[in-house]
N, C-alpha and C. Protein backbone atom coordinates (compact mmCIF):
# COMPACT_ATOMS: atom_id res chain seq x y z
N MET A 1 69.90 -24.41 214.28
CA MET A 1 69.69 -23.74 213.23
C MET A 1 70.48 -22.39 213.53
N THR A 2 71.39 -22.44 212.47
CA THR A 2 72.22 -21.25 213.10
C THR A 2 71.51 -20.03 211.84
N VAL A 3 71.75 -18.54 212.73
CA VAL A 3 71.12 -17.41 211.91
C VAL A 3 72.41 -17.15 211.63
N SER A 4 72.37 -16.94 210.38
CA SER A 4 73.56 -15.96 209.77
C SER A 4 73.45 -14.43 209.51
N ARG A 5 74.40 -13.52 209.94
CA ARG A 5 73.91 -12.18 209.84
C ARG A 5 74.48 -11.71 208.25
N PRO A 6 73.34 -10.83 207.98
CA PRO A 6 74.19 -10.43 206.73
C PRO A 6 74.99 -9.67 206.59
N THR A 7 76.17 -9.41 205.60
CA THR A 7 77.52 -8.94 206.06
C THR A 7 77.18 -7.18 205.16
N PRO A 8 77.41 -6.14 205.78
CA PRO A 8 77.56 -5.09 204.95
C PRO A 8 78.15 -5.41 203.81
N PRO A 9 77.98 -4.19 202.75
CA PRO A 9 78.50 -4.28 201.28
C PRO A 9 79.91 -3.59 201.66
N ILE A 10 81.23 -3.67 200.96
CA ILE A 10 82.09 -3.10 201.38
C ILE A 10 82.22 -1.80 201.25
N ALA A 11 81.25 -1.13 200.08
CA ALA A 11 81.37 0.49 199.75
C ALA A 11 80.64 1.01 201.22
N VAL A 12 79.79 0.23 202.13
CA VAL A 12 79.15 0.70 203.16
C VAL A 12 80.32 1.30 204.12
N VAL A 13 81.10 -0.21 204.56
CA VAL A 13 82.07 0.04 205.30
C VAL A 13 82.92 0.73 205.02
N SER A 14 83.56 0.88 203.88
CA SER A 14 85.15 1.92 203.45
C SER A 14 83.91 3.39 203.71
N ALA A 15 83.13 3.45 203.40
CA ALA A 15 82.17 4.77 203.57
C ALA A 15 82.32 5.28 205.05
N LEU A 16 81.85 4.08 205.69
CA LEU A 16 81.80 4.28 207.24
C LEU A 16 83.19 4.81 207.88
N ILE A 17 84.69 4.08 207.35
CA ILE A 17 85.76 4.14 207.86
C ILE A 17 86.19 5.83 207.35
N ALA A 18 85.79 5.82 206.37
CA ALA A 18 86.09 7.39 205.68
C ALA A 18 85.84 8.47 206.25
N LEU A 19 84.50 8.31 207.00
CA LEU A 19 83.42 9.18 207.48
C LEU A 19 84.36 9.41 209.16
N VAL A 20 84.35 8.41 209.61
CA VAL A 20 85.19 8.31 210.97
C VAL A 20 86.57 8.86 210.79
N ALA A 21 87.15 8.85 210.09
CA ALA A 21 88.47 9.50 209.89
C ALA A 21 88.31 10.91 209.84
N CYS A 22 87.48 11.34 209.10
CA CYS A 22 87.21 12.69 208.58
C CYS A 22 86.91 13.69 209.87
N MET A 23 86.04 12.67 210.72
CA MET A 23 85.79 13.40 212.16
C MET A 23 86.76 13.66 213.08
N LEU A 24 87.35 12.28 213.12
CA LEU A 24 88.54 12.53 213.84
C LEU A 24 89.63 13.58 213.48
N LEU A 25 89.62 13.57 211.90
CA LEU A 25 90.91 14.69 211.55
C LEU A 25 90.40 15.88 211.92
N THR A 26 89.24 16.42 211.88
CA THR A 26 88.37 17.81 212.07
C THR A 26 88.51 17.81 213.67
N ALA A 27 88.33 16.60 214.25
CA ALA A 27 88.30 17.19 215.80
C ALA A 27 89.75 17.29 216.67
N PHE A 28 90.75 16.68 215.62
CA PHE A 28 92.02 17.23 216.42
C PHE A 28 92.72 18.71 215.36
N ALA A 29 92.19 18.86 214.21
CA ALA A 29 92.74 19.80 213.38
C ALA A 29 92.29 21.17 213.66
N TRP A 30 90.86 20.63 213.75
CA TRP A 30 90.16 22.17 214.05
C TRP A 30 90.62 23.12 215.18
N PRO A 31 90.84 22.14 216.33
CA PRO A 31 91.36 23.70 217.07
C PRO A 31 92.98 23.98 217.03
N ALA A 32 93.40 23.55 216.31
CA ALA A 32 95.35 23.69 216.31
C ALA A 32 95.17 24.92 215.26
N VAL A 33 93.96 24.87 214.32
CA VAL A 33 93.99 25.51 213.07
C VAL A 33 93.46 26.81 213.68
N HIS A 34 92.39 26.86 214.73
CA HIS A 34 91.67 28.23 214.91
C HIS A 34 92.09 28.51 216.07
N THR A 35 93.06 28.30 216.97
CA THR A 35 93.31 29.00 218.20
C THR A 35 93.42 30.18 218.34
N ALA A 36 93.44 31.14 219.00
CA ALA A 36 93.99 32.55 219.12
C ALA A 36 93.67 32.78 220.41
N PRO A 37 94.43 34.15 220.92
CA PRO A 37 94.51 34.40 222.36
C PRO A 37 92.59 35.32 222.26
N ASN A 38 92.23 35.04 223.51
CA ASN A 38 91.08 35.62 223.87
C ASN A 38 91.04 36.03 225.40
N HIS A 39 91.22 37.49 225.50
CA HIS A 39 91.47 38.36 226.41
C HIS A 39 92.46 37.32 227.62
N LEU A 40 93.53 37.24 227.01
CA LEU A 40 94.31 36.85 227.86
C LEU A 40 94.93 38.15 228.87
N PRO A 41 95.28 37.55 230.17
CA PRO A 41 95.29 38.57 231.19
C PRO A 41 96.82 39.04 231.17
N LEU A 42 97.25 40.24 231.19
CA LEU A 42 98.33 41.09 230.68
C LEU A 42 98.73 42.15 231.55
N ALA A 43 99.92 41.80 232.08
CA ALA A 43 100.07 42.98 233.17
C ALA A 43 100.89 44.45 232.24
N VAL A 44 100.34 45.61 232.78
CA VAL A 44 101.15 46.89 231.91
C VAL A 44 101.01 47.53 233.33
N VAL A 45 102.50 48.02 233.10
CA VAL A 45 103.47 49.22 233.79
C VAL A 45 103.65 50.31 232.93
N ALA A 46 102.58 51.24 232.83
CA ALA A 46 103.44 52.49 232.44
C ALA A 46 102.69 53.46 232.16
N PRO A 47 103.03 54.45 231.74
CA PRO A 47 102.25 56.11 232.62
C PRO A 47 101.10 56.15 231.47
N ALA A 48 100.35 56.83 232.42
CA ALA A 48 98.67 56.74 231.36
C ALA A 48 98.91 56.97 230.06
N PRO A 49 99.42 58.15 229.67
CA PRO A 49 99.63 58.61 228.11
C PRO A 49 99.90 57.33 227.16
N ALA A 50 101.11 56.42 227.58
CA ALA A 50 101.89 55.39 227.25
C ALA A 50 100.61 54.20 227.04
N LEU A 51 99.75 54.38 228.08
CA LEU A 51 98.20 53.25 228.26
C LEU A 51 97.33 53.37 227.37
N ALA A 52 97.03 54.53 227.15
CA ALA A 52 96.05 54.79 226.14
C ALA A 52 96.60 54.24 224.77
N GLN A 53 97.79 54.66 224.49
CA GLN A 53 97.98 54.42 222.91
C GLN A 53 98.61 52.67 222.71
N LEU A 54 99.25 52.13 223.91
CA LEU A 54 98.91 50.90 223.75
C LEU A 54 97.95 50.19 223.47
N GLN A 55 96.96 50.58 224.57
CA GLN A 55 95.51 49.98 224.04
C GLN A 55 95.11 50.06 223.00
N SER A 56 95.14 51.10 222.22
CA SER A 56 94.58 51.34 221.07
C SER A 56 95.30 50.73 219.81
N ARG A 57 96.38 50.30 220.30
CA ARG A 57 97.34 49.71 219.13
C ARG A 57 97.43 48.70 219.55
N LEU A 58 97.09 47.94 220.56
CA LEU A 58 96.95 46.21 220.45
C LEU A 58 95.15 46.09 219.92
N ASP A 59 94.57 46.93 220.40
CA ASP A 59 93.07 46.75 220.09
C ASP A 59 92.63 46.58 218.15
N ALA A 60 94.13 47.37 217.46
CA ALA A 60 93.81 47.59 216.09
C ALA A 60 94.75 46.20 215.41
N ALA A 61 96.25 45.65 216.26
CA ALA A 61 96.59 44.50 215.82
C ALA A 61 96.12 43.26 216.04
N ARG A 62 95.37 43.19 217.28
CA ARG A 62 94.81 41.75 217.92
C ARG A 62 93.75 42.26 218.85
N PRO A 63 92.37 42.44 218.37
CA PRO A 63 90.90 42.88 218.58
C PRO A 63 90.36 41.67 219.94
N GLY A 64 90.44 42.26 221.21
CA GLY A 64 90.15 40.90 221.79
C GLY A 64 90.80 40.06 222.39
N ALA A 65 92.13 40.14 221.97
CA ALA A 65 93.59 39.26 222.65
C ALA A 65 93.98 39.30 223.84
N PHE A 66 93.81 40.54 224.08
CA PHE A 66 94.51 40.66 225.62
C PHE A 66 93.82 41.43 226.65
N GLU A 67 93.33 41.16 227.99
CA GLU A 67 92.77 42.05 228.74
C GLU A 67 93.84 42.32 230.03
N LEU A 68 94.11 43.94 229.74
CA LEU A 68 95.18 44.37 230.39
C LEU A 68 95.04 44.86 231.69
N ARG A 69 95.74 44.66 232.69
CA ARG A 69 95.46 44.78 233.83
C ARG A 69 96.76 45.84 234.22
N VAL A 70 96.51 47.04 234.86
CA VAL A 70 97.38 48.29 235.22
C VAL A 70 98.08 47.85 236.53
N LEU A 71 99.34 48.13 236.45
CA LEU A 71 99.84 47.72 237.59
C LEU A 71 100.74 49.29 238.14
N ALA A 72 101.10 49.02 239.63
CA ALA A 72 102.02 50.38 239.81
C ALA A 72 103.73 50.23 239.17
N ASP A 73 104.05 48.79 239.37
CA ASP A 73 105.91 48.78 239.24
C ASP A 73 106.01 47.63 238.89
N GLU A 74 107.38 47.37 238.49
CA GLU A 74 108.09 45.99 237.93
C GLU A 74 107.59 45.02 238.88
N ALA A 75 108.03 45.08 240.23
CA ALA A 75 108.12 43.89 241.28
C ALA A 75 106.28 43.51 241.64
N GLU A 76 105.37 44.25 240.97
CA GLU A 76 103.95 43.97 241.11
C GLU A 76 103.57 43.33 240.09
N ALA A 77 104.45 43.71 238.87
CA ALA A 77 104.23 42.76 237.71
C ALA A 77 104.26 41.67 237.86
N ARG A 78 106.10 41.11 238.25
CA ARG A 78 106.41 40.07 238.53
C ARG A 78 105.81 39.53 239.51
N GLN A 79 105.19 40.11 240.66
CA GLN A 79 104.50 38.93 241.44
C GLN A 79 102.77 38.30 241.26
N ALA A 80 102.27 39.55 240.03
CA ALA A 80 101.33 38.96 239.20
C ALA A 80 101.47 37.73 238.62
N ILE A 81 102.69 37.70 238.08
CA ILE A 81 103.52 36.58 236.95
C ILE A 81 102.97 35.43 237.71
N LEU A 82 103.74 35.51 239.10
CA LEU A 82 104.38 34.26 239.80
C LEU A 82 103.09 33.83 240.52
N SER A 83 101.99 34.56 240.37
CA SER A 83 101.03 34.14 241.05
C SER A 83 100.08 33.39 240.39
N ARG A 84 100.17 33.81 238.81
CA ARG A 84 99.22 32.98 237.92
C ARG A 84 97.71 34.11 238.08
N GLU A 85 98.11 35.65 238.10
CA GLU A 85 96.87 36.03 237.65
C GLU A 85 97.16 36.77 236.13
N VAL A 86 98.26 36.94 236.03
CA VAL A 86 98.45 37.25 234.31
C VAL A 86 99.71 36.39 233.59
N TYR A 87 99.34 35.98 232.39
CA TYR A 87 100.37 35.68 231.91
C TYR A 87 101.80 36.12 231.41
N GLY A 88 101.81 37.59 231.85
CA GLY A 88 103.05 38.35 231.63
C GLY A 88 102.91 39.68 231.88
N ALA A 89 103.86 40.40 231.34
CA ALA A 89 103.85 41.80 231.37
C ALA A 89 104.39 42.55 230.61
N LEU A 90 104.07 43.56 230.35
CA LEU A 90 104.76 44.70 229.57
C LEU A 90 105.18 45.97 230.39
N LEU A 91 106.23 46.30 230.09
CA LEU A 91 107.18 47.22 230.83
C LEU A 91 107.25 48.49 230.38
N LEU A 92 106.34 49.49 230.30
CA LEU A 92 106.82 50.84 229.65
C LEU A 92 107.37 51.82 230.29
N THR A 93 108.07 51.85 231.10
CA THR A 93 108.59 52.79 232.13
C THR A 93 109.90 53.47 231.94
N SER A 94 110.23 52.80 231.01
CA SER A 94 111.86 52.98 230.70
C SER A 94 111.87 53.82 229.30
N GLY A 95 112.97 53.86 228.40
CA GLY A 95 112.86 54.32 227.09
C GLY A 95 112.97 52.91 226.11
N THR A 96 113.37 51.43 226.40
CA THR A 96 113.25 50.17 225.87
C THR A 96 112.11 49.59 226.78
N PRO A 97 111.13 49.23 225.66
CA PRO A 97 109.93 48.15 226.33
C PRO A 97 110.87 47.17 226.47
N LYS A 98 109.87 46.25 227.92
CA LYS A 98 110.68 44.80 228.23
C LYS A 98 109.14 44.37 228.63
N VAL A 99 109.71 42.56 228.39
CA VAL A 99 108.54 42.09 228.85
C VAL A 99 109.06 41.11 229.47
N LEU A 100 107.87 40.62 230.48
CA LEU A 100 108.14 39.40 231.32
C LEU A 100 107.66 38.31 230.99
N THR A 101 107.93 37.43 231.05
CA THR A 101 106.91 36.30 230.35
C THR A 101 106.95 35.00 231.69
N ALA A 102 106.60 34.00 231.47
CA ALA A 102 106.75 32.97 231.97
C ALA A 102 105.93 31.76 231.47
N SER A 103 107.28 30.91 230.87
CA SER A 103 107.04 29.74 229.75
C SER A 103 106.88 28.57 230.31
N ALA A 104 106.52 28.48 231.54
CA ALA A 104 105.93 27.64 232.49
C ALA A 104 104.62 27.49 232.37
N ALA A 105 103.83 28.56 232.65
CA ALA A 105 102.60 28.76 232.71
C ALA A 105 102.11 28.34 231.44
N SER A 106 102.60 28.76 229.81
CA SER A 106 102.28 28.73 228.86
C SER A 106 103.14 29.01 227.76
N PRO A 107 103.89 28.22 227.45
CA PRO A 107 104.88 28.22 226.21
C PRO A 107 104.32 29.22 224.86
N ALA A 108 103.20 28.94 224.48
CA ALA A 108 102.52 29.58 223.56
C ALA A 108 102.37 31.03 224.08
N ALA A 109 101.71 31.49 224.95
CA ALA A 109 101.41 32.81 225.77
C ALA A 109 102.73 33.25 225.72
N ALA A 110 103.99 32.97 226.08
CA ALA A 110 105.19 33.70 225.97
C ALA A 110 105.53 33.59 225.16
N GLN A 111 105.57 32.80 223.79
CA GLN A 111 106.06 33.24 222.86
C GLN A 111 105.40 34.57 222.45
N LEU A 112 103.61 34.32 222.25
CA LEU A 112 103.42 35.85 221.88
C LEU A 112 103.52 36.94 222.61
N LEU A 113 103.96 37.07 223.58
CA LEU A 113 103.95 38.02 224.59
C LEU A 113 105.24 38.54 224.27
N ALA A 114 106.55 37.83 223.73
CA ALA A 114 107.84 37.95 223.45
C ALA A 114 107.72 38.72 222.29
N GLN A 115 106.77 38.43 221.50
CA GLN A 115 106.59 39.17 219.89
C GLN A 115 106.07 40.97 220.01
N LEU A 116 105.42 40.62 221.23
CA LEU A 116 104.42 42.23 221.03
C LEU A 116 105.19 43.58 220.94
N PRO A 117 106.51 43.56 221.42
CA PRO A 117 106.70 44.86 221.27
C PRO A 117 107.31 44.63 219.62
N THR A 118 107.54 43.99 219.11
CA THR A 118 107.70 43.67 217.61
C THR A 118 106.31 44.48 216.79
N LEU A 119 105.28 43.86 217.22
CA LEU A 119 104.02 43.73 216.83
C LEU A 119 103.70 45.29 216.72
N LEU A 120 104.04 45.83 218.18
CA LEU A 120 103.30 47.27 218.52
C LEU A 120 104.22 48.53 217.68
N SER A 121 106.07 48.16 217.28
CA SER A 121 106.74 49.13 216.90
C SER A 121 107.71 47.89 216.64
N PRO A 122 107.60 47.93 215.45
CA PRO A 122 108.51 46.85 214.75
C PRO A 122 110.15 47.75 215.04
N THR A 123 110.26 48.47 215.07
CA THR A 123 111.94 49.36 214.75
C THR A 123 112.10 49.25 216.51
N THR A 124 111.64 49.63 217.41
CA THR A 124 112.07 49.92 218.98
C THR A 124 112.40 48.74 219.65
N PRO A 125 113.98 48.48 219.69
CA PRO A 125 114.32 47.63 220.49
C PRO A 125 113.59 46.87 221.72
N SER A 126 113.24 45.96 222.40
CA SER A 126 113.10 45.52 223.63
C SER A 126 113.78 44.34 224.10
N ALA A 127 113.32 44.42 225.42
CA ALA A 127 114.04 42.92 226.32
C ALA A 127 112.67 41.96 226.28
N VAL A 128 113.37 41.06 226.87
CA VAL A 128 112.46 39.75 227.18
C VAL A 128 112.80 39.48 228.20
N GLU A 129 112.28 38.68 229.04
CA GLU A 129 112.67 38.18 230.37
C GLU A 129 111.70 36.70 230.91
N ASP A 130 112.05 35.73 230.58
CA ASP A 130 111.10 34.29 231.25
C ASP A 130 111.68 34.24 232.97
N ILE A 131 110.78 35.04 233.30
CA ILE A 131 110.94 34.78 235.04
C ILE A 131 110.47 33.43 235.58
N MET A 132 109.97 32.80 234.89
CA MET A 132 109.31 31.44 235.13
C MET A 132 109.76 30.40 234.19
N PRO A 133 111.03 29.78 233.76
CA PRO A 133 111.00 29.13 232.73
C PRO A 133 110.32 27.84 232.76
N ALA A 134 110.41 27.00 231.62
CA ALA A 134 109.99 25.58 231.94
C ALA A 134 111.08 24.61 232.16
N THR A 135 110.70 23.79 232.60
CA THR A 135 111.80 23.18 233.22
C THR A 135 112.68 22.55 231.58
N ALA A 136 113.89 22.15 232.08
CA ALA A 136 115.33 21.71 231.06
C ALA A 136 114.78 20.59 230.37
N ALA A 137 114.37 19.63 231.39
CA ALA A 137 113.83 18.44 230.84
C ALA A 137 112.21 17.99 229.54
N ASP A 138 111.86 19.07 230.06
CA ASP A 138 110.55 19.51 228.70
C ASP A 138 110.20 20.93 228.44
N PRO A 139 110.96 21.49 227.65
CA PRO A 139 111.36 22.87 227.73
C PRO A 139 109.91 23.22 226.52
N ARG A 140 109.34 22.46 226.19
CA ARG A 140 108.20 23.01 225.21
C ARG A 140 106.64 22.41 225.98
N GLN A 141 106.81 21.70 227.08
CA GLN A 141 106.09 20.83 227.79
C GLN A 141 104.91 20.16 226.79
N ALA A 142 105.58 19.25 226.11
CA ALA A 142 105.25 18.61 225.22
C ALA A 142 104.61 17.19 225.67
N GLY A 143 105.25 16.80 226.67
CA GLY A 143 105.06 15.37 227.06
C GLY A 143 103.50 14.91 227.19
N LEU A 144 102.90 16.11 228.08
CA LEU A 144 100.98 15.68 228.49
C LEU A 144 100.19 15.68 227.26
N ALA A 145 100.87 16.87 225.74
CA ALA A 145 100.23 17.04 224.44
C ALA A 145 100.73 15.74 223.84
N GLY A 146 101.82 15.03 223.96
CA GLY A 146 102.19 13.98 223.46
C GLY A 146 101.07 12.89 223.50
N ALA A 147 100.70 12.99 224.88
CA ALA A 147 100.08 11.57 225.67
C ALA A 147 98.49 11.70 225.04
N ALA A 148 98.23 13.13 224.83
CA ALA A 148 97.08 13.08 224.60
C ALA A 148 96.10 12.12 223.38
N LEU A 149 97.14 12.17 222.11
CA LEU A 149 95.99 11.18 221.38
C LEU A 149 96.31 9.69 221.80
N PRO A 150 97.21 9.08 221.87
CA PRO A 150 97.27 7.60 222.95
C PRO A 150 96.56 7.60 223.55
N LEU A 151 96.01 8.11 224.51
CA LEU A 151 94.75 8.31 225.56
C LEU A 151 93.64 8.49 224.59
N VAL A 152 93.17 9.02 223.94
CA VAL A 152 91.81 9.04 223.22
C VAL A 152 91.69 7.83 222.24
N PHE A 153 92.77 7.56 221.60
CA PHE A 153 92.78 6.25 220.97
C PHE A 153 92.60 4.97 221.88
N SER A 154 93.34 5.06 223.11
CA SER A 154 93.28 4.01 224.09
C SER A 154 91.42 3.79 224.91
N GLY A 155 90.75 4.99 224.96
CA GLY A 155 89.91 5.20 225.40
C GLY A 155 88.77 4.46 224.16
N MET A 156 88.70 4.97 223.11
CA MET A 156 88.08 4.60 221.74
C MET A 156 87.85 3.08 221.97
N PHE A 157 89.30 2.47 221.87
CA PHE A 157 89.53 1.27 221.75
C PHE A 157 88.85 0.22 222.81
N SER A 158 88.94 1.07 224.10
CA SER A 158 88.19 0.12 225.10
C SER A 158 87.02 0.29 224.98
N ALA A 159 86.05 1.40 224.77
CA ALA A 159 84.98 1.51 224.46
C ALA A 159 84.28 0.75 223.27
N VAL A 160 85.00 0.52 222.16
CA VAL A 160 84.51 -0.77 220.93
C VAL A 160 84.43 -1.84 221.78
N MET A 161 85.55 -2.28 222.34
CA MET A 161 85.66 -3.81 223.13
C MET A 161 84.75 -4.18 224.17
N LEU A 162 84.62 -2.92 224.80
CA LEU A 162 83.36 -3.29 226.24
C LEU A 162 82.18 -3.30 225.12
N THR A 163 81.87 -2.62 224.16
CA THR A 163 80.49 -2.52 223.70
C THR A 163 80.29 -4.06 222.88
N ARG A 164 81.51 -4.96 222.73
CA ARG A 164 81.04 -6.00 222.40
C ARG A 164 80.95 -6.89 223.26
N LEU A 165 81.33 -7.11 224.17
CA LEU A 165 81.21 -8.03 225.51
C LEU A 165 79.54 -8.59 225.78
């Protein structure tokens, strides 16, 4: 004698599929929409009066976005970037502000830092130097990010298959 399992109604199955799809969409879209810098380490080389003005402008433009680390000179700022203590540096020692970035560490942080002088003073020209660029083969470093979705789906598929054994 075989026991037949009752099949769930199509409406229930459809609702569950829609619910799972919404959960997956939320899980992948939410971080992308709500990502913002939070205490991003930034080296600053500037005289004391300029430093106070910079801090107030940054707090007004992007509160809590940057954690400023005051350094003595450009060489120390470069070393801090290369040793990954900071993501970039803002040099206010000459008439033209200069931004040092490391796109290999974080393309998103490098892009944000490159826009920093324009955010603070739109009319002042500035220079941006990428002292640690990403590789030419993957300048946006999308290789690992592109693999995330297939890895998640293969893990979910494996879990479903293992629970069916």
